Amino acid sequence: MERLRSSPLHTNISTALDKHLEVIHVVQSRRKDEIVNASNRQRQGASRCQDDRDVFALALAIKEMSVTTRKVRTTLWCAFQMTLPK
């Protein structure tokens, strides 16, 4: 869109995209932690209490990703509207 406009977009657009990417990485990390911890507990026969904490952390990360996804979609729509010819 910057190329179509021949000028940079507002800094809030880049900030929203960077935040969304950061949240995606957090969700990936939480998911990996959940998988590793679940497989370790399965081998050791440990309780499920820790498993619930992993799932809760993943759920919070997914909730945050949902919020940032909505913000990014709105931000990109605004950037698209600014890109369109008048």
N, C-alpha and C. Protein backbone atom coordinates (compact mmCIF):
# COMPACT_ATOMS: atom_id res chain seq x y z
N MET A 1 0.81 -1.18 0.00
CA MET A 1 0.00 0.00 0.00
C MET A 1 0.87 1.26 0.00
N GLU A 2 2.02 1.16 0.65
CA GLU A 2 2.93 2.30 0.62
C GLU A 2 3.42 2.58 -0.80
N ARG A 3 3.64 1.53 -1.54
CA ARG A 3 4.10 1.71 -2.92
C ARG A 3 3.00 2.34 -3.78
N LEU A 4 1.77 1.92 -3.54
CA LEU A 4 0.66 2.49 -4.30
C LEU A 4 0.46 3.97 -3.99
N ARG A 5 0.69 4.33 -2.75
CA ARG A 5 0.52 5.73 -2.34
C ARG A 5 1.74 6.57 -2.66
N SER A 6 2.87 5.94 -2.84
CA SER A 6 4.15 6.64 -3.04
C SER A 6 4.53 7.48 -1.83
N SER A 7 4.05 7.07 -0.67
CA SER A 7 4.42 7.73 0.58
C SER A 7 4.19 6.74 1.72
N PRO A 8 4.90 6.93 2.81
CA PRO A 8 4.74 6.00 3.93
C PRO A 8 3.37 6.14 4.59
N LEU A 9 2.90 5.05 5.15
CA LEU A 9 1.64 5.07 5.87
C LEU A 9 1.88 5.58 7.29
N HIS A 10 0.81 5.82 7.99
CA HIS A 10 0.89 6.32 9.36
C HIS A 10 1.63 5.32 10.24
N THR A 11 2.36 5.81 11.23
CA THR A 11 3.15 4.94 12.10
C THR A 11 2.29 3.99 12.92
N ASN A 12 1.05 4.34 13.19
CA ASN A 12 0.16 3.44 13.94
C ASN A 12 -0.10 2.14 13.17
N ILE A 13 -0.06 2.21 11.87
CA ILE A 13 -0.28 1.01 11.05
C ILE A 13 0.88 0.04 11.24
N SER A 14 2.09 0.54 11.17
CA SER A 14 3.26 -0.32 11.39
C SER A 14 3.29 -0.85 12.81
N THR A 15 2.92 -0.02 13.76
CA THR A 15 2.90 -0.44 15.16
C THR A 15 1.90 -1.57 15.38
N ALA A 16 0.71 -1.44 14.80
CA ALA A 16 -0.31 -2.48 14.94
C ALA A 16 0.15 -3.80 14.32
N LEU A 17 0.79 -3.72 13.17
CA LEU A 17 1.29 -4.93 12.51
C LEU A 17 2.40 -5.59 13.32
N ASP A 18 3.29 -4.78 13.88
CA ASP A 18 4.37 -5.31 14.72
C ASP A 18 3.82 -5.97 15.98
N LYS A 19 2.83 -5.35 16.60
CA LYS A 19 2.21 -5.91 17.80
C LYS A 19 1.54 -7.24 17.49
N HIS A 20 0.86 -7.30 16.35
CA HIS A 20 0.18 -8.54 15.94
C HIS A 20 1.20 -9.66 15.73
N LEU A 21 2.29 -9.37 15.09
CA LEU A 21 3.34 -10.37 14.87
C LEU A 21 3.92 -10.84 16.20
N GLU A 22 4.11 -9.91 17.11
CA GLU A 22 4.62 -10.27 18.44
C GLU A 22 3.66 -11.21 19.17
N VAL A 23 2.38 -10.91 19.10
CA VAL A 23 1.37 -11.76 19.76
C VAL A 23 1.31 -13.13 19.11
N ILE A 24 1.48 -13.21 17.81
CA ILE A 24 1.50 -14.51 17.13
C ILE A 24 2.67 -15.35 17.65
N HIS A 25 3.81 -14.73 17.83
CA HIS A 25 4.98 -15.45 18.36
C HIS A 25 4.72 -15.93 19.79
N VAL A 26 4.01 -15.15 20.59
CA VAL A 26 3.67 -15.56 21.95
C VAL A 26 2.76 -16.78 21.93
N VAL A 27 1.76 -16.78 21.05
CA VAL A 27 0.86 -17.92 20.94
C VAL A 27 1.64 -19.17 20.51
N GLN A 28 2.53 -19.02 19.55
CA GLN A 28 3.34 -20.16 19.12
C GLN A 28 4.18 -20.70 20.27
N SER A 29 4.75 -19.80 21.05
CA SER A 29 5.58 -20.21 22.18
C SER A 29 4.75 -20.94 23.23
N ARG A 30 3.57 -20.41 23.54
CA ARG A 30 2.70 -21.05 24.53
C ARG A 30 2.27 -22.44 24.06
N ARG A 31 1.99 -22.56 22.79
CA ARG A 31 1.57 -23.86 22.24
C ARG A 31 2.72 -24.87 22.33
N LYS A 32 3.93 -24.43 21.99
CA LYS A 32 5.08 -25.32 22.09
C LYS A 32 5.31 -25.75 23.54
N ASP A 33 5.18 -24.79 24.48
CA ASP A 33 5.33 -25.12 25.89
C ASP A 33 4.30 -26.15 26.34
N GLU A 34 3.07 -25.97 25.89
CA GLU A 34 2.01 -26.90 26.25
C GLU A 34 2.31 -28.31 25.73
N ILE A 35 2.75 -28.39 24.51
CA ILE A 35 3.05 -29.71 23.91
C ILE A 35 4.20 -30.38 24.64
N VAL A 36 5.28 -29.63 24.89
CA VAL A 36 6.45 -30.20 25.56
C VAL A 36 6.09 -30.64 26.97
N ASN A 37 5.40 -29.79 27.71
CA ASN A 37 5.05 -30.13 29.09
C ASN A 37 4.07 -31.30 29.15
N ALA A 38 3.14 -31.36 28.22
CA ALA A 38 2.18 -32.47 28.21
C ALA A 38 2.89 -33.79 27.93
N SER A 39 3.82 -33.78 27.00
CA SER A 39 4.53 -35.02 26.69
C SER A 39 5.43 -35.44 27.85
N ASN A 40 6.05 -34.48 28.53
CA ASN A 40 6.88 -34.80 29.68
C ASN A 40 6.04 -35.36 30.83
N ARG A 41 4.89 -34.76 31.08
CA ARG A 41 4.03 -35.25 32.16
C ARG A 41 3.48 -36.63 31.85
N GLN A 42 3.21 -36.87 30.58
CA GLN A 42 2.67 -38.18 30.20
C GLN A 42 3.70 -39.27 30.48
N ARG A 43 4.96 -38.97 30.22
CA ARG A 43 6.02 -39.94 30.49
C ARG A 43 6.20 -40.17 31.99
N GLN A 44 6.06 -39.09 32.77
CA GLN A 44 6.31 -39.18 34.20
C GLN A 44 5.08 -39.53 35.01
N GLY A 45 3.90 -39.43 34.43
CA GLY A 45 2.66 -39.73 35.14
C GLY A 45 2.31 -38.66 36.16
N ALA A 46 2.64 -37.40 35.90
CA ALA A 46 2.38 -36.30 36.83
C ALA A 46 0.92 -35.88 36.79
N SER A 47 0.55 -35.01 37.73
CA SER A 47 -0.84 -34.56 37.84
C SER A 47 -1.20 -33.63 36.68
N ARG A 48 -2.49 -33.37 36.56
CA ARG A 48 -3.00 -32.53 35.48
C ARG A 48 -3.05 -31.06 35.87
N CYS A 49 -2.73 -30.72 37.10
CA CYS A 49 -2.81 -29.32 37.55
C CYS A 49 -1.92 -28.41 36.71
N GLN A 50 -0.73 -28.83 36.46
CA GLN A 50 0.19 -28.04 35.64
C GLN A 50 -0.33 -27.95 34.21
N ASP A 51 -0.95 -29.02 33.74
CA ASP A 51 -1.52 -29.03 32.40
C ASP A 51 -2.57 -27.94 32.25
N ASP A 52 -3.38 -27.74 33.30
CA ASP A 52 -4.39 -26.70 33.27
C ASP A 52 -3.76 -25.31 33.17
N ARG A 53 -2.64 -25.11 33.82
CA ARG A 53 -1.95 -23.80 33.74
C ARG A 53 -1.45 -23.54 32.33
N ASP A 54 -0.94 -24.58 31.69
CA ASP A 54 -0.47 -24.42 30.30
C ASP A 54 -1.62 -24.05 29.37
N VAL A 55 -2.74 -24.73 29.55
CA VAL A 55 -3.91 -24.46 28.71
C VAL A 55 -4.43 -23.05 28.98
N PHE A 56 -4.44 -22.64 30.24
CA PHE A 56 -4.90 -21.30 30.59
C PHE A 56 -3.99 -20.23 29.97
N ALA A 57 -2.69 -20.43 30.03
CA ALA A 57 -1.75 -19.47 29.42
C ALA A 57 -1.96 -19.40 27.91
N LEU A 58 -2.19 -20.56 27.29
CA LEU A 58 -2.44 -20.59 25.86
C LEU A 58 -3.75 -19.87 25.53
N ALA A 59 -4.78 -20.09 26.34
CA ALA A 59 -6.07 -19.43 26.11
C ALA A 59 -5.95 -17.92 26.22
N LEU A 60 -5.19 -17.44 27.19
CA LEU A 60 -4.99 -15.99 27.31
C LEU A 60 -4.24 -15.43 26.11
N ALA A 61 -3.26 -16.16 25.63
CA ALA A 61 -2.50 -15.71 24.46
C ALA A 61 -3.39 -15.68 23.22
N ILE A 62 -4.26 -16.67 23.08
CA ILE A 62 -5.17 -16.70 21.93
C ILE A 62 -6.18 -15.56 22.02
N LYS A 63 -6.63 -15.26 23.23
CA LYS A 63 -7.55 -14.13 23.42
C LYS A 63 -6.89 -12.83 22.98
N GLU A 64 -5.64 -12.63 23.39
CA GLU A 64 -4.91 -11.43 23.00
C GLU A 64 -4.70 -11.39 21.48
N MET A 65 -4.45 -12.54 20.88
CA MET A 65 -4.28 -12.59 19.42
C MET A 65 -5.59 -12.23 18.73
N SER A 66 -6.71 -12.65 19.29
CA SER A 66 -8.00 -12.31 18.71
C SER A 66 -8.23 -10.79 18.73
N VAL A 67 -7.86 -10.16 19.83
CA VAL A 67 -8.01 -8.71 19.95
C VAL A 67 -7.12 -8.00 18.93
N THR A 68 -5.86 -8.41 18.85
CA THR A 68 -4.95 -7.74 17.92
C THR A 68 -5.32 -8.03 16.46
N THR A 69 -5.89 -9.19 16.19
CA THR A 69 -6.33 -9.50 14.83
C THR A 69 -7.42 -8.54 14.39
N ARG A 70 -8.38 -8.28 15.28
CA ARG A 70 -9.44 -7.31 14.94
C ARG A 70 -8.86 -5.93 14.70
N LYS A 71 -7.92 -5.53 15.55
CA LYS A 71 -7.29 -4.21 15.38
C LYS A 71 -6.52 -4.12 14.07
N VAL A 72 -5.79 -5.17 13.74
CA VAL A 72 -5.01 -5.16 12.50
C VAL A 72 -5.92 -5.14 11.28
N ARG A 73 -7.00 -5.89 11.33
CA ARG A 73 -7.94 -5.88 10.20
C ARG A 73 -8.50 -4.48 9.97
N THR A 74 -8.86 -3.82 11.07
CA THR A 74 -9.37 -2.44 10.96
C THR A 74 -8.29 -1.50 10.45
N THR A 75 -7.09 -1.66 10.97
CA THR A 75 -5.97 -0.82 10.56
C THR A 75 -5.67 -0.99 9.08
N LEU A 76 -5.65 -2.24 8.62
CA LEU A 76 -5.38 -2.48 7.20
C LEU A 76 -6.51 -1.95 6.31
N TRP A 77 -7.74 -2.03 6.80
CA TRP A 77 -8.86 -1.48 6.04
C TRP A 77 -8.68 0.03 5.90
N CYS A 78 -8.30 0.69 6.98
CA CYS A 78 -8.06 2.14 6.93
C CYS A 78 -6.92 2.47 5.97
N ALA A 79 -5.86 1.70 6.03
CA ALA A 79 -4.73 1.93 5.12
C ALA A 79 -5.16 1.74 3.67
N PHE A 80 -5.99 0.75 3.44
CA PHE A 80 -6.50 0.52 2.08
C PHE A 80 -7.34 1.70 1.62
N GLN A 81 -8.19 2.22 2.50
CA GLN A 81 -9.01 3.36 2.14
C GLN A 81 -8.17 4.58 1.82
N MET A 82 -7.07 4.76 2.54
CA MET A 82 -6.18 5.89 2.25
C MET A 82 -5.42 5.70 0.95
N THR A 83 -5.29 4.44 0.51
CA THR A 83 -4.55 4.12 -0.70
C THR A 83 -5.40 4.35 -1.96
N LEU A 84 -6.71 4.18 -1.82
CA LEU A 84 -7.59 4.32 -2.97
C LEU A 84 -7.53 5.72 -3.56
N PRO A 85 -7.64 5.82 -4.89
CA PRO A 85 -7.65 7.15 -5.49
C PRO A 85 -8.92 7.90 -5.09
N LYS A 86 -8.80 9.21 -5.03
CA LYS A 86 -9.96 10.04 -4.60
C LYS A 86 -10.83 10.42 -5.76
